[in-house]
Amino acid sequence: LNLKFMAEVQTTKGLLKEHYFFLAQKIFNDHSASLEDFQSRSVSWAQF
């Protein structure tokens, strides 16, 4: 997602850790997990 964002927008400013946290909450529909919890998860094509 970061590489796609930077390439499409043509910017050197990529996504930050807090951005990934928000995106994880969104794609997993989980607002109780920590940033570390998400790092060990996998995401499916269906969720994407």
ModelCIF file with pLDDT and N, C-alpha, C, O atoms, coordinates in Angstrom:
data_MODEL
#
_entry.id   MODEL 
#
_entity.id                         1 
_entity.type                       polymer 
_entity.pdbx_number_of_molecules   1 
#
_entity_poly.entity_id                      1 
_entity_poly.type                           'polypeptide(L)' 
_entity_poly.nstd_linkage                   no 
_entity_poly.nstd_monomer                   no 
_entity_poly.pdbx_seq_one_letter_code       LNLKFMAEVQTTKGLLKEHYFFLAQKIFNDHSASLEDFQSRSVSWAQF 
_entity_poly.pdbx_seq_one_letter_code_can   LNLKFMAEVQTTKGLLKEHYFFLAQKIFNDHSASLEDFQSRSVSWAQF 
_entity_poly.pdbx_strand_id                 A 
#
loop_
_entity_poly_seq.entity_id 
_entity_poly_seq.num 
_entity_poly_seq.mon_id 
_entity_poly_seq.hetero 
1 1  LEU n 
1 2  ASN n 
1 3  LEU n 
1 4  LYS n 
1 5  PHE n 
1 6  MET n 
1 7  ALA n 
1 8  GLU n 
1 9  VAL n 
1 10 GLN n 
1 11 THR n 
1 12 THR n 
1 13 LYS n 
1 14 GLY n 
1 15 LEU n 
1 16 LEU n 
1 17 LYS n 
1 18 GLU n 
1 19 HIS n 
1 20 TYR n 
1 21 PHE n 
1 22 PHE n 
1 23 LEU n 
1 24 ALA n 
1 25 GLN n 
1 26 LYS n 
1 27 ILE n 
1 28 PHE n 
1 29 ASN n 
1 30 ASP n 
1 31 HIS n 
1 32 SER n 
1 33 ALA n 
1 34 SER n 
1 35 LEU n 
1 36 GLU n 
1 37 ASP n 
1 38 PHE n 
1 39 GLN n 
1 40 SER n 
1 41 ARG n 
1 42 SER n 
1 43 VAL n 
1 44 SER n 
1 45 TRP n 
1 46 ALA n 
1 47 GLN n 
1 48 PHE n 
#
_struct_asym.id          A 
_struct_asym.entity_id   1 
#
loop_
_ma_qa_metric.id 
_ma_qa_metric.mode 
_ma_qa_metric.name 
_ma_qa_metric.software_group_id 
_ma_qa_metric.type 
1 global pLDDT . pLDDT 
2 local  pLDDT . pLDDT 
#
_ma_qa_metric_global.metric_id      1 
_ma_qa_metric_global.metric_value   91.15 
_ma_qa_metric_global.model_id       1 
_ma_qa_metric_global.ordinal_id     1 
#
loop_
_ma_qa_metric_local.label_asym_id 
_ma_qa_metric_local.label_comp_id 
_ma_qa_metric_local.label_seq_id 
_ma_qa_metric_local.metric_id 
_ma_qa_metric_local.metric_value 
_ma_qa_metric_local.model_id 
_ma_qa_metric_local.ordinal_id 
A LEU 1  2 94.00 1 1  
A ASN 2  2 95.00 1 2  
A LEU 3  2 93.00 1 3  
A LYS 4  2 93.00 1 4  
A PHE 5  2 94.00 1 5  
A MET 6  2 94.00 1 6  
A ALA 7  2 93.00 1 7  
A GLU 8  2 92.00 1 8  
A VAL 9  2 93.00 1 9  
A GLN 10 2 93.00 1 10 
A THR 11 2 93.00 1 11 
A THR 12 2 93.00 1 12 
A LYS 13 2 93.00 1 13 
A GLY 14 2 93.00 1 14 
A LEU 15 2 94.00 1 15 
A LEU 16 2 93.00 1 16 
A LYS 17 2 92.00 1 17 
A GLU 18 2 92.00 1 18 
A HIS 19 2 95.00 1 19 
A TYR 20 2 94.00 1 20 
A PHE 21 2 93.00 1 21 
A PHE 22 2 94.00 1 22 
A LEU 23 2 95.00 1 23 
A ALA 24 2 94.00 1 24 
A GLN 25 2 93.00 1 25 
A LYS 26 2 94.00 1 26 
A ILE 27 2 93.00 1 27 
A PHE 28 2 93.00 1 28 
A ASN 29 2 90.00 1 29 
A ASP 30 2 89.00 1 30 
A HIS 31 2 87.00 1 31 
A SER 32 2 85.00 1 32 
A ALA 33 2 84.00 1 33 
A SER 34 2 84.00 1 34 
A LEU 35 2 82.00 1 35 
A GLU 36 2 84.00 1 36 
A ASP 37 2 86.00 1 37 
A PHE 38 2 89.00 1 38 
A GLN 39 2 86.00 1 39 
A SER 40 2 86.00 1 40 
A ARG 41 2 91.00 1 41 
A SER 42 2 91.00 1 42 
A VAL 43 2 92.00 1 43 
A SER 44 2 92.00 1 44 
A TRP 45 2 88.00 1 45 
A ALA 46 2 90.00 1 46 
A GLN 47 2 93.00 1 47 
A PHE 48 2 91.00 1 48 
#
loop_
_atom_site.group_PDB 
_atom_site.id 
_atom_site.type_symbol 
_atom_site.label_atom_id 
_atom_site.label_alt_id 
_atom_site.label_comp_id 
_atom_site.label_asym_id 
_atom_site.label_entity_id 
_atom_site.label_seq_id 
_atom_site.pdbx_PDB_ins_code 
_atom_site.Cartn_x 
_atom_site.Cartn_y 
_atom_site.Cartn_z 
_atom_site.occupancy 
_atom_site.B_iso_or_equiv 
_atom_site.pdbx_formal_charge 
_atom_site.auth_seq_id 
_atom_site.auth_comp_id 
_atom_site.auth_asym_id 
_atom_site.auth_atom_id 
_atom_site.pdbx_PDB_model_num 
ATOM 1   N N  . LEU A 1 1  ? 0.830   -1.204  0.000  1.00 94.00 ? 1  LEU A N  1 
ATOM 2   C CA . LEU A 1 1  ? 0.000   0.000   0.000  1.00 94.00 ? 1  LEU A CA 1 
ATOM 3   C C  . LEU A 1 1  ? 0.867   1.259   0.000  1.00 94.00 ? 1  LEU A C  1 
ATOM 4   O O  . LEU A 1 1  ? 0.543   2.246   -0.659 1.00 94.00 ? 1  LEU A O  1 
ATOM 5   N N  . ASN A 1 2  ? 1.967   1.213   0.742  1.00 95.00 ? 2  ASN A N  1 
ATOM 6   C CA . ASN A 1 2  ? 2.864   2.360   0.810  1.00 95.00 ? 2  ASN A CA 1 
ATOM 7   C C  . ASN A 1 2  ? 3.523   2.627   -0.543 1.00 95.00 ? 2  ASN A C  1 
ATOM 8   O O  . ASN A 1 2  ? 3.558   3.768   -1.004 1.00 95.00 ? 2  ASN A O  1 
ATOM 9   N N  . LEU A 1 3  ? 4.043   1.583   -1.172 1.00 93.00 ? 3  LEU A N  1 
ATOM 10  C CA . LEU A 1 3  ? 4.683   1.744   -2.479 1.00 93.00 ? 3  LEU A CA 1 
ATOM 11  C C  . LEU A 1 3  ? 3.682   2.226   -3.524 1.00 93.00 ? 3  LEU A C  1 
ATOM 12  O O  . LEU A 1 3  ? 4.001   3.081   -4.350 1.00 93.00 ? 3  LEU A O  1 
ATOM 13  N N  . LYS A 1 4  ? 2.474   1.675   -3.482 1.00 93.00 ? 4  LYS A N  1 
ATOM 14  C CA . LYS A 1 4  ? 1.432   2.091   -4.418 1.00 93.00 ? 4  LYS A CA 1 
ATOM 15  C C  . LYS A 1 4  ? 1.076   3.556   -4.205 1.00 93.00 ? 4  LYS A C  1 
ATOM 16  O O  . LYS A 1 4  ? 0.935   4.309   -5.169 1.00 93.00 ? 4  LYS A O  1 
ATOM 17  N N  . PHE A 1 5  ? 0.930   3.965   -2.946 1.00 94.00 ? 5  PHE A N  1 
ATOM 18  C CA . PHE A 1 5  ? 0.570   5.344   -2.628 1.00 94.00 ? 5  PHE A CA 1 
ATOM 19  C C  . PHE A 1 5  ? 1.642   6.312   -3.136 1.00 94.00 ? 5  PHE A C  1 
ATOM 20  O O  . PHE A 1 5  ? 1.323   7.303   -3.792 1.00 94.00 ? 5  PHE A O  1 
ATOM 21  N N  . MET A 1 6  ? 2.899   6.026   -2.836 1.00 94.00 ? 6  MET A N  1 
ATOM 22  C CA . MET A 1 6  ? 3.985   6.922   -3.227 1.00 94.00 ? 6  MET A CA 1 
ATOM 23  C C  . MET A 1 6  ? 4.135   6.996   -4.746 1.00 94.00 ? 6  MET A C  1 
ATOM 24  O O  . MET A 1 6  ? 4.417   8.059   -5.298 1.00 94.00 ? 6  MET A O  1 
ATOM 25  N N  . ALA A 1 7  ? 3.945   5.867   -5.411 1.00 93.00 ? 7  ALA A N  1 
ATOM 26  C CA . ALA A 1 7  ? 4.073   5.844   -6.872 1.00 93.00 ? 7  ALA A CA 1 
ATOM 27  C C  . ALA A 1 7  ? 2.928   6.594   -7.548 1.00 93.00 ? 7  ALA A C  1 
ATOM 28  O O  . ALA A 1 7  ? 3.151   7.366   -8.480 1.00 93.00 ? 7  ALA A O  1 
ATOM 29  N N  . GLU A 1 8  ? 1.704   6.365   -7.077 1.00 92.00 ? 8  GLU A N  1 
ATOM 30  C CA . GLU A 1 8  ? 0.535   7.006   -7.691 1.00 92.00 ? 8  GLU A CA 1 
ATOM 31  C C  . GLU A 1 8  ? 0.530   8.514   -7.455 1.00 92.00 ? 8  GLU A C  1 
ATOM 32  O O  . GLU A 1 8  ? 0.284   9.296   -8.373 1.00 92.00 ? 8  GLU A O  1 
ATOM 33  N N  . VAL A 1 9  ? 0.804   8.908   -6.221 1.00 93.00 ? 9  VAL A N  1 
ATOM 34  C CA . VAL A 1 9  ? 0.748   10.331  -5.861 1.00 93.00 ? 9  VAL A CA 1 
ATOM 35  C C  . VAL A 1 9  ? 2.010   11.064  -6.328 1.00 93.00 ? 9  VAL A C  1 
ATOM 36  O O  . VAL A 1 9  ? 2.019   12.289  -6.449 1.00 93.00 ? 9  VAL A O  1 
ATOM 37  N N  . GLN A 1 10 ? 3.074   10.295  -6.588 1.00 93.00 ? 10 GLN A N  1 
ATOM 38  C CA . GLN A 1 10 ? 4.370   10.878  -6.972 1.00 93.00 ? 10 GLN A CA 1 
ATOM 39  C C  . GLN A 1 10 ? 4.909   11.751  -5.841 1.00 93.00 ? 10 GLN A C  1 
ATOM 40  O O  . GLN A 1 10 ? 5.198   12.933  -6.024 1.00 93.00 ? 10 GLN A O  1 
ATOM 41  N N  . THR A 1 11 ? 5.034   11.138  -4.678 1.00 93.00 ? 11 THR A N  1 
ATOM 42  C CA . THR A 1 11 ? 5.531   11.830  -3.498 1.00 93.00 ? 11 THR A CA 1 
ATOM 43  C C  . THR A 1 11 ? 6.605   10.984  -2.828 1.00 93.00 ? 11 THR A C  1 
ATOM 44  O O  . THR A 1 11 ? 6.627   9.762   -2.970 1.00 93.00 ? 11 THR A O  1 
ATOM 45  N N  . THR A 1 12 ? 7.497   11.649  -2.096 1.00 93.00 ? 12 THR A N  1 
ATOM 46  C CA . THR A 1 12 ? 8.519   10.923  -1.320 1.00 93.00 ? 12 THR A CA 1 
ATOM 47  C C  . THR A 1 12 ? 8.052   10.692  0.106  1.00 93.00 ? 12 THR A C  1 
ATOM 48  O O  . THR A 1 12 ? 8.733   10.023  0.883  1.00 93.00 ? 12 THR A O  1 
ATOM 49  N N  . LYS A 1 13 ? 6.884   11.247  0.458  1.00 93.00 ? 13 LYS A N  1 
ATOM 50  C CA . LYS A 1 13 ? 6.358   11.108  1.818  1.00 93.00 ? 13 LYS A CA 1 
ATOM 51  C C  . LYS A 1 13 ? 5.376   9.938   1.867  1.00 93.00 ? 13 LYS A C  1 
ATOM 52  O O  . LYS A 1 13 ? 4.241   10.038  1.403  1.00 93.00 ? 13 LYS A O  1 
ATOM 53  N N  . GLY A 1 14 ? 5.839   8.839   2.435  1.00 93.00 ? 14 GLY A N  1 
ATOM 54  C CA . GLY A 1 14 ? 5.020   7.638   2.468  1.00 93.00 ? 14 GLY A CA 1 
ATOM 55  C C  . GLY A 1 14 ? 4.124   7.567   3.695  1.00 93.00 ? 14 GLY A C  1 
ATOM 56  O O  . GLY A 1 14 ? 4.000   8.530   4.451  1.00 93.00 ? 14 GLY A O  1 
ATOM 57  N N  . LEU A 1 15 ? 3.503   6.408   3.874  1.00 94.00 ? 15 LEU A N  1 
ATOM 58  C CA . LEU A 1 15 ? 2.612   6.180   5.010  1.00 94.00 ? 15 LEU A CA 1 
ATOM 59  C C  . LEU A 1 15 ? 3.424   5.967   6.280  1.00 94.00 ? 15 LEU A C  1 
ATOM 60  O O  . LEU A 1 15 ? 4.532   5.431   6.239  1.00 94.00 ? 15 LEU A O  1 
ATOM 61  N N  . LEU A 1 16 ? 2.866   6.389   7.401  1.00 93.00 ? 16 LEU A N  1 
ATOM 62  C CA . LEU A 1 16 ? 3.525   6.297   8.700  1.00 93.00 ? 16 LEU A CA 1 
ATOM 63  C C  . LEU A 1 16 ? 2.903   5.165   9.519  1.00 93.00 ? 16 LEU A C  1 
ATOM 64  O O  . LEU A 1 16 ? 1.863   4.615   9.158  1.00 93.00 ? 16 LEU A O  1 
ATOM 65  N N  . LYS A 1 17 ? 3.563   4.831   10.629 1.00 92.00 ? 17 LYS A N  1 
ATOM 66  C CA . LYS A 1 17 ? 3.109   3.739   11.486 1.00 92.00 ? 17 LYS A CA 1 
ATOM 67  C C  . LYS A 1 17 ? 1.662   3.944   11.949 1.00 92.00 ? 17 LYS A C  1 
ATOM 68  O O  . LYS A 1 17 ? 0.875   2.998   11.989 1.00 92.00 ? 17 LYS A O  1 
ATOM 69  N N  . GLU A 1 18 ? 1.322   5.184   12.295 1.00 92.00 ? 18 GLU A N  1 
ATOM 70  C CA . GLU A 1 18 ? -0.041  5.443   12.757 1.00 92.00 ? 18 GLU A CA 1 
ATOM 71  C C  . GLU A 1 18 ? -1.066  5.305   11.623 1.00 92.00 ? 18 GLU A C  1 
ATOM 72  O O  . GLU A 1 18 ? -2.230  4.990   11.870 1.00 92.00 ? 18 GLU A O  1 
ATOM 73  N N  . HIS A 1 19 ? -0.625  5.544   10.372 1.00 95.00 ? 19 HIS A N  1 
ATOM 74  C CA . HIS A 1 19 ? -1.508  5.333   9.225  1.00 95.00 ? 19 HIS A CA 1 
ATOM 75  C C  . HIS A 1 19 ? -1.813  3.846   9.063  1.00 95.00 ? 19 HIS A C  1 
ATOM 76  O O  . HIS A 1 19 ? -2.957  3.459   8.823  1.00 95.00 ? 19 HIS A O  1 
ATOM 77  N N  . TYR A 1 20 ? -0.772  3.014   9.197  1.00 94.00 ? 20 TYR A N  1 
ATOM 78  C CA . TYR A 1 20 ? -0.961  1.561   9.083  1.00 94.00 ? 20 TYR A CA 1 
ATOM 79  C C  . TYR A 1 20 ? -1.920  1.048   10.164 1.00 94.00 ? 20 TYR A C  1 
ATOM 80  O O  . TYR A 1 20 ? -2.723  0.147   9.920  1.00 94.00 ? 20 TYR A O  1 
ATOM 81  N N  . PHE A 1 21 ? -1.823  1.627   11.344 1.00 93.00 ? 21 PHE A N  1 
ATOM 82  C CA . PHE A 1 21 ? -2.685  1.213   12.451 1.00 93.00 ? 21 PHE A CA 1 
ATOM 83  C C  . PHE A 1 21 ? -4.146  1.477   12.104 1.00 93.00 ? 21 PHE A C  1 
ATOM 84  O O  . PHE A 1 21 ? -5.004  0.620   12.315 1.00 93.00 ? 21 PHE A O  1 
ATOM 85  N N  . PHE A 1 22 ? -4.422  2.655   11.575 1.00 94.00 ? 22 PHE A N  1 
ATOM 86  C CA . PHE A 1 22 ? -5.788  2.991   11.160 1.00 94.00 ? 22 PHE A CA 1 
ATOM 87  C C  . PHE A 1 22 ? -6.265  2.065   10.044 1.00 94.00 ? 22 PHE A C  1 
ATOM 88  O O  . PHE A 1 22 ? -7.397  1.581   10.080 1.00 94.00 ? 22 PHE A O  1 
ATOM 89  N N  . LEU A 1 23 ? -5.405  1.815   9.051  1.00 95.00 ? 23 LEU A N  1 
ATOM 90  C CA . LEU A 1 23 ? -5.778  0.951   7.928  1.00 95.00 ? 23 LEU A CA 1 
ATOM 91  C C  . LEU A 1 23 ? -6.045  -0.484  8.398  1.00 95.00 ? 23 LEU A C  1 
ATOM 92  O O  . LEU A 1 23 ? -6.943  -1.155  7.888  1.00 95.00 ? 23 LEU A O  1 
ATOM 93  N N  . ALA A 1 24 ? -5.248  -0.950  9.387  1.00 94.00 ? 24 ALA A N  1 
ATOM 94  C CA . ALA A 1 24 ? -5.475  -2.283  9.939  1.00 94.00 ? 24 ALA A CA 1 
ATOM 95  C C  . ALA A 1 24 ? -6.827  -2.357  10.644 1.00 94.00 ? 24 ALA A C  1 
ATOM 96  O O  . ALA A 1 24 ? -7.568  -3.324  10.467 1.00 94.00 ? 24 ALA A O  1 
ATOM 97  N N  . GLN A 1 25 ? -7.147  -1.352  11.431 1.00 93.00 ? 25 GLN A N  1 
ATOM 98  C CA . GLN A 1 25 ? -8.450  -1.319  12.106 1.00 93.00 ? 25 GLN A CA 1 
ATOM 99  C C  . GLN A 1 25 ? -9.585  -1.376  11.082 1.00 93.00 ? 25 GLN A C  1 
ATOM 100 O O  . GLN A 1 25 ? -10.618 -2.006  11.308 1.00 93.00 ? 25 GLN A O  1 
ATOM 101 N N  . LYS A 1 26 ? -9.367  -0.710  9.967  1.00 94.00 ? 26 LYS A N  1 
ATOM 102 C CA . LYS A 1 26 ? -10.405 -0.642  8.929  1.00 94.00 ? 26 LYS A CA 1 
ATOM 103 C C  . LYS A 1 26 ? -10.575 -1.973  8.209  1.00 94.00 ? 26 LYS A C  1 
ATOM 104 O O  . LYS A 1 26 ? -11.695 -2.462  8.063  1.00 94.00 ? 26 LYS A O  1 
ATOM 105 N N  . ILE A 1 27 ? -9.476  -2.558  7.761  1.00 93.00 ? 27 ILE A N  1 
ATOM 106 C CA . ILE A 1 27 ? -9.572  -3.768  6.948  1.00 93.00 ? 27 ILE A CA 1 
ATOM 107 C C  . ILE A 1 27 ? -9.959  -4.994  7.782  1.00 93.00 ? 27 ILE A C  1 
ATOM 108 O O  . ILE A 1 27 ? -10.626 -5.902  7.284  1.00 93.00 ? 27 ILE A O  1 
ATOM 109 N N  . PHE A 1 28 ? -9.535  -5.017  9.065  1.00 93.00 ? 28 PHE A N  1 
ATOM 110 C CA . PHE A 1 28 ? -9.875  -6.147  9.933  1.00 93.00 ? 28 PHE A CA 1 
ATOM 111 C C  . PHE A 1 28 ? -11.151 -5.896  10.741 1.00 93.00 ? 28 PHE A C  1 
ATOM 112 O O  . PHE A 1 28 ? -11.647 -6.800  11.414 1.00 93.00 ? 28 PHE A O  1 
ATOM 113 N N  . ASN A 1 29 ? -11.680 -4.675  10.676 1.00 90.00 ? 29 ASN A N  1 
ATOM 114 C CA . ASN A 1 29 ? -12.852 -4.299  11.478 1.00 90.00 ? 29 ASN A CA 1 
ATOM 115 C C  . ASN A 1 29 ? -12.632 -4.629  12.948 1.00 90.00 ? 29 ASN A C  1 
ATOM 116 O O  . ASN A 1 29 ? -13.464 -5.261  13.598 1.00 90.00 ? 29 ASN A O  1 
ATOM 117 N N  . ASP A 1 30 ? -11.480 -4.180  13.453 1.00 89.00 ? 30 ASP A N  1 
ATOM 118 C CA . ASP A 1 30 ? -11.087 -4.486  14.832 1.00 89.00 ? 30 ASP A CA 1 
ATOM 119 C C  . ASP A 1 30 ? -10.497 -3.223  15.461 1.00 89.00 ? 30 ASP A C  1 
ATOM 120 O O  . ASP A 1 30 ? -9.435  -2.751  15.058 1.00 89.00 ? 30 ASP A O  1 
ATOM 121 N N  . HIS A 1 31 ? -11.203 -2.690  16.451 1.00 87.00 ? 31 HIS A N  1 
ATOM 122 C CA . HIS A 1 31 ? -10.741 -1.456  17.100 1.00 87.00 ? 31 HIS A CA 1 
ATOM 123 C C  . HIS A 1 31 ? -10.205 -1.719  18.506 1.00 87.00 ? 31 HIS A C  1 
ATOM 124 O O  . HIS A 1 31 ? -9.956  -0.784  19.267 1.00 87.00 ? 31 HIS A O  1 
ATOM 125 N N  . SER A 1 32 ? -10.029 -3.002  18.846 1.00 85.00 ? 32 SER A N  1 
ATOM 126 C CA . SER A 1 32 ? -9.535  -3.332  20.187 1.00 85.00 ? 32 SER A CA 1 
ATOM 127 C C  . SER A 1 32 ? -8.084  -3.818  20.172 1.00 85.00 ? 32 SER A C  1 
ATOM 128 O O  . SER A 1 32 ? -7.416  -3.803  21.206 1.00 85.00 ? 32 SER A O  1 
ATOM 129 N N  . ALA A 1 33 ? -7.596  -4.248  19.011 1.00 84.00 ? 33 ALA A N  1 
ATOM 130 C CA . ALA A 1 33 ? -6.235  -4.792  18.917 1.00 84.00 ? 33 ALA A CA 1 
ATOM 131 C C  . ALA A 1 33 ? -5.194  -3.681  18.933 1.00 84.00 ? 33 ALA A C  1 
ATOM 132 O O  . ALA A 1 33 ? -5.483  -2.539  18.576 1.00 84.00 ? 33 ALA A O  1 
ATOM 133 N N  . SER A 1 34 ? -3.983  -4.028  19.351 1.00 84.00 ? 34 SER A N  1 
ATOM 134 C CA . SER A 1 34 ? -2.874  -3.067  19.355 1.00 84.00 ? 34 SER A CA 1 
ATOM 135 C C  . SER A 1 34 ? -2.141  -3.129  18.020 1.00 84.00 ? 34 SER A C  1 
ATOM 136 O O  . SER A 1 34 ? -2.376  -4.020  17.204 1.00 84.00 ? 34 SER A O  1 
ATOM 137 N N  . LEU A 1 35 ? -1.253  -2.168  17.818 1.00 82.00 ? 35 LEU A N  1 
ATOM 138 C CA . LEU A 1 35 ? -0.439  -2.142  16.605 1.00 82.00 ? 35 LEU A CA 1 
ATOM 139 C C  . LEU A 1 35 ? 0.363   -3.430  16.469 1.00 82.00 ? 35 LEU A C  1 
ATOM 140 O O  . LEU A 1 35 ? 0.493   -3.974  15.373 1.00 82.00 ? 35 LEU A O  1 
ATOM 141 N N  . GLU A 1 36 ? 0.899   -3.913  17.582 1.00 84.00 ? 36 GLU A N  1 
ATOM 142 C CA . GLU A 1 36 ? 1.696   -5.143  17.584 1.00 84.00 ? 36 GLU A CA 1 
ATOM 143 C C  . GLU A 1 36 ? 0.834   -6.360  17.225 1.00 84.00 ? 36 GLU A C  1 
ATOM 144 O O  . GLU A 1 36 ? 1.292   -7.272  16.536 1.00 84.00 ? 36 GLU A O  1 
ATOM 145 N N  . ASP A 1 37 ? -0.409  -6.363  17.697 1.00 86.00 ? 37 ASP A N  1 
ATOM 146 C CA . ASP A 1 37 ? -1.316  -7.483  17.383 1.00 86.00 ? 37 ASP A CA 1 
ATOM 147 C C  . ASP A 1 37 ? -1.501  -7.624  15.875 1.00 86.00 ? 37 ASP A C  1 
ATOM 148 O O  . ASP A 1 37 ? -1.483  -8.731  15.338 1.00 86.00 ? 37 ASP A O  1 
ATOM 149 N N  . PHE A 1 38 ? -1.679  -6.494  15.202 1.00 89.00 ? 38 PHE A N  1 
ATOM 150 C CA . PHE A 1 38 ? -1.927  -6.528  13.765 1.00 89.00 ? 38 PHE A CA 1 
ATOM 151 C C  . PHE A 1 38 ? -0.716  -7.039  12.991 1.00 89.00 ? 38 PHE A C  1 
ATOM 152 O O  . PHE A 1 38 ? -0.865  -7.656  11.936 1.00 89.00 ? 38 PHE A O  1 
ATOM 153 N N  . GLN A 1 39 ? 0.477   -6.784  13.512 1.00 86.00 ? 39 GLN A N  1 
ATOM 154 C CA . GLN A 1 39 ? 1.688   -7.148  12.777 1.00 86.00 ? 39 GLN A CA 1 
ATOM 155 C C  . GLN A 1 39 ? 1.832   -8.646  12.571 1.00 86.00 ? 39 GLN A C  1 
ATOM 156 O O  . GLN A 1 39 ? 2.535   -9.088  11.662 1.00 86.00 ? 39 GLN A O  1 
ATOM 157 N N  . SER A 1 40 ? 1.173   -9.421  13.409 1.00 86.00 ? 40 SER A N  1 
ATOM 158 C CA . SER A 1 40 ? 1.282   -10.878 13.284 1.00 86.00 ? 40 SER A CA 1 
ATOM 159 C C  . SER A 1 40 ? 0.124   -11.482 12.485 1.00 86.00 ? 40 SER A C  1 
ATOM 160 O O  . SER A 1 40 ? 0.059   -12.700 12.314 1.00 86.00 ? 40 SER A O  1 
ATOM 161 N N  . ARG A 1 41 ? -0.778  -10.647 12.002 1.00 91.00 ? 41 ARG A N  1 
ATOM 162 C CA . ARG A 1 41 ? -1.949  -11.158 11.284 1.00 91.00 ? 41 ARG A CA 1 
ATOM 163 C C  . ARG A 1 41 ? -1.694  -11.252 9.780  1.00 91.00 ? 41 ARG A C  1 
ATOM 164 O O  . ARG A 1 41 ? -0.745  -10.679 9.247  1.00 91.00 ? 41 ARG A O  1 
ATOM 165 N N  . SER A 1 42 ? -2.577  -11.997 9.123  1.00 91.00 ? 42 SER A N  1 
ATOM 166 C CA . SER A 1 42 ? -2.559  -12.039 7.664  1.00 91.00 ? 42 SER A CA 1 
ATOM 167 C C  . SER A 1 42 ? -3.904  -11.515 7.154  1.00 91.00 ? 42 SER A C  1 
ATOM 168 O O  . SER A 1 42 ? -4.924  -11.612 7.836  1.00 91.00 ? 42 SER A O  1 
ATOM 169 N N  . VAL A 1 43 ? -3.881  -10.962 5.946  1.00 92.00 ? 43 VAL A N  1 
ATOM 170 C CA . VAL A 1 43 ? -5.080  -10.368 5.367  1.00 92.00 ? 43 VAL A CA 1 
ATOM 171 C C  . VAL A 1 43 ? -5.451  -11.146 4.102  1.00 92.00 ? 43 VAL A C  1 
ATOM 172 O O  . VAL A 1 43 ? -4.577  -11.556 3.339  1.00 92.00 ? 43 VAL A O  1 
ATOM 173 N N  . SER A 1 44 ? -6.738  -11.343 3.890  1.00 92.00 ? 44 SER A N  1 
ATOM 174 C CA . SER A 1 44 ? -7.190  -12.150 2.750  1.00 92.00 ? 44 SER A CA 1 
ATOM 175 C C  . SER A 1 44 ? -7.605  -11.262 1.585  1.00 92.00 ? 44 SER A C  1 
ATOM 176 O O  . SER A 1 44 ? -7.869  -10.071 1.744  1.00 92.00 ? 44 SER A O  1 
ATOM 177 N N  . TRP A 1 45 ? -7.654  -11.879 0.413  1.00 88.00 ? 45 TRP A N  1 
ATOM 178 C CA . TRP A 1 45 ? -8.148  -11.177 -0.781 1.00 88.00 ? 45 TRP A CA 1 
ATOM 179 C C  . TRP A 1 45 ? -9.581  -10.687 -0.546 1.00 88.00 ? 45 TRP A C  1 
ATOM 180 O O  . TRP A 1 45 ? -9.950  -9.598  -0.988 1.00 88.00 ? 45 TRP A O  1 
ATOM 181 N N  . ALA A 1 46 ? -10.382 -11.494 0.149  1.00 90.00 ? 46 ALA A N  1 
ATOM 182 C CA . ALA A 1 46 ? -11.770 -11.105 0.418  1.00 90.00 ? 46 ALA A CA 1 
ATOM 183 C C  . ALA A 1 46 ? -11.819 -9.831  1.264  1.00 90.00 ? 46 ALA A C  1 
ATOM 184 O O  . ALA A 1 46 ? -12.616 -8.934  0.986  1.00 90.00 ? 46 ALA A O  1 
ATOM 185 N N  . GLN A 1 47 ? -10.977 -9.745  2.289  1.00 93.00 ? 47 GLN A N  1 
ATOM 186 C CA . GLN A 1 47 ? -10.942 -8.538  3.125  1.00 93.00 ? 47 GLN A CA 1 
ATOM 187 C C  . GLN A 1 47 ? -10.444 -7.336  2.326  1.00 93.00 ? 47 GLN A C  1 
ATOM 188 O O  . GLN A 1 47 ? -10.860 -6.203  2.569  1.00 93.00 ? 47 GLN A O  1 
ATOM 189 N N  . PHE A 1 48 ? -9.559  -7.590  1.380  1.00 91.00 ? 48 PHE A N  1 
ATOM 190 C CA . PHE A 1 48 ? -8.971  -6.515  0.584  1.00 91.00 ? 48 PHE A CA 1 
ATOM 191 C C  . PHE A 1 48 ? -9.953  -5.949  -0.433 1.00 91.00 ? 48 PHE A C  1 
ATOM 192 O O  . PHE A 1 48 ? -9.607  -5.035  -1.182 1.00 91.00 ? 48 PHE A O  1 
#
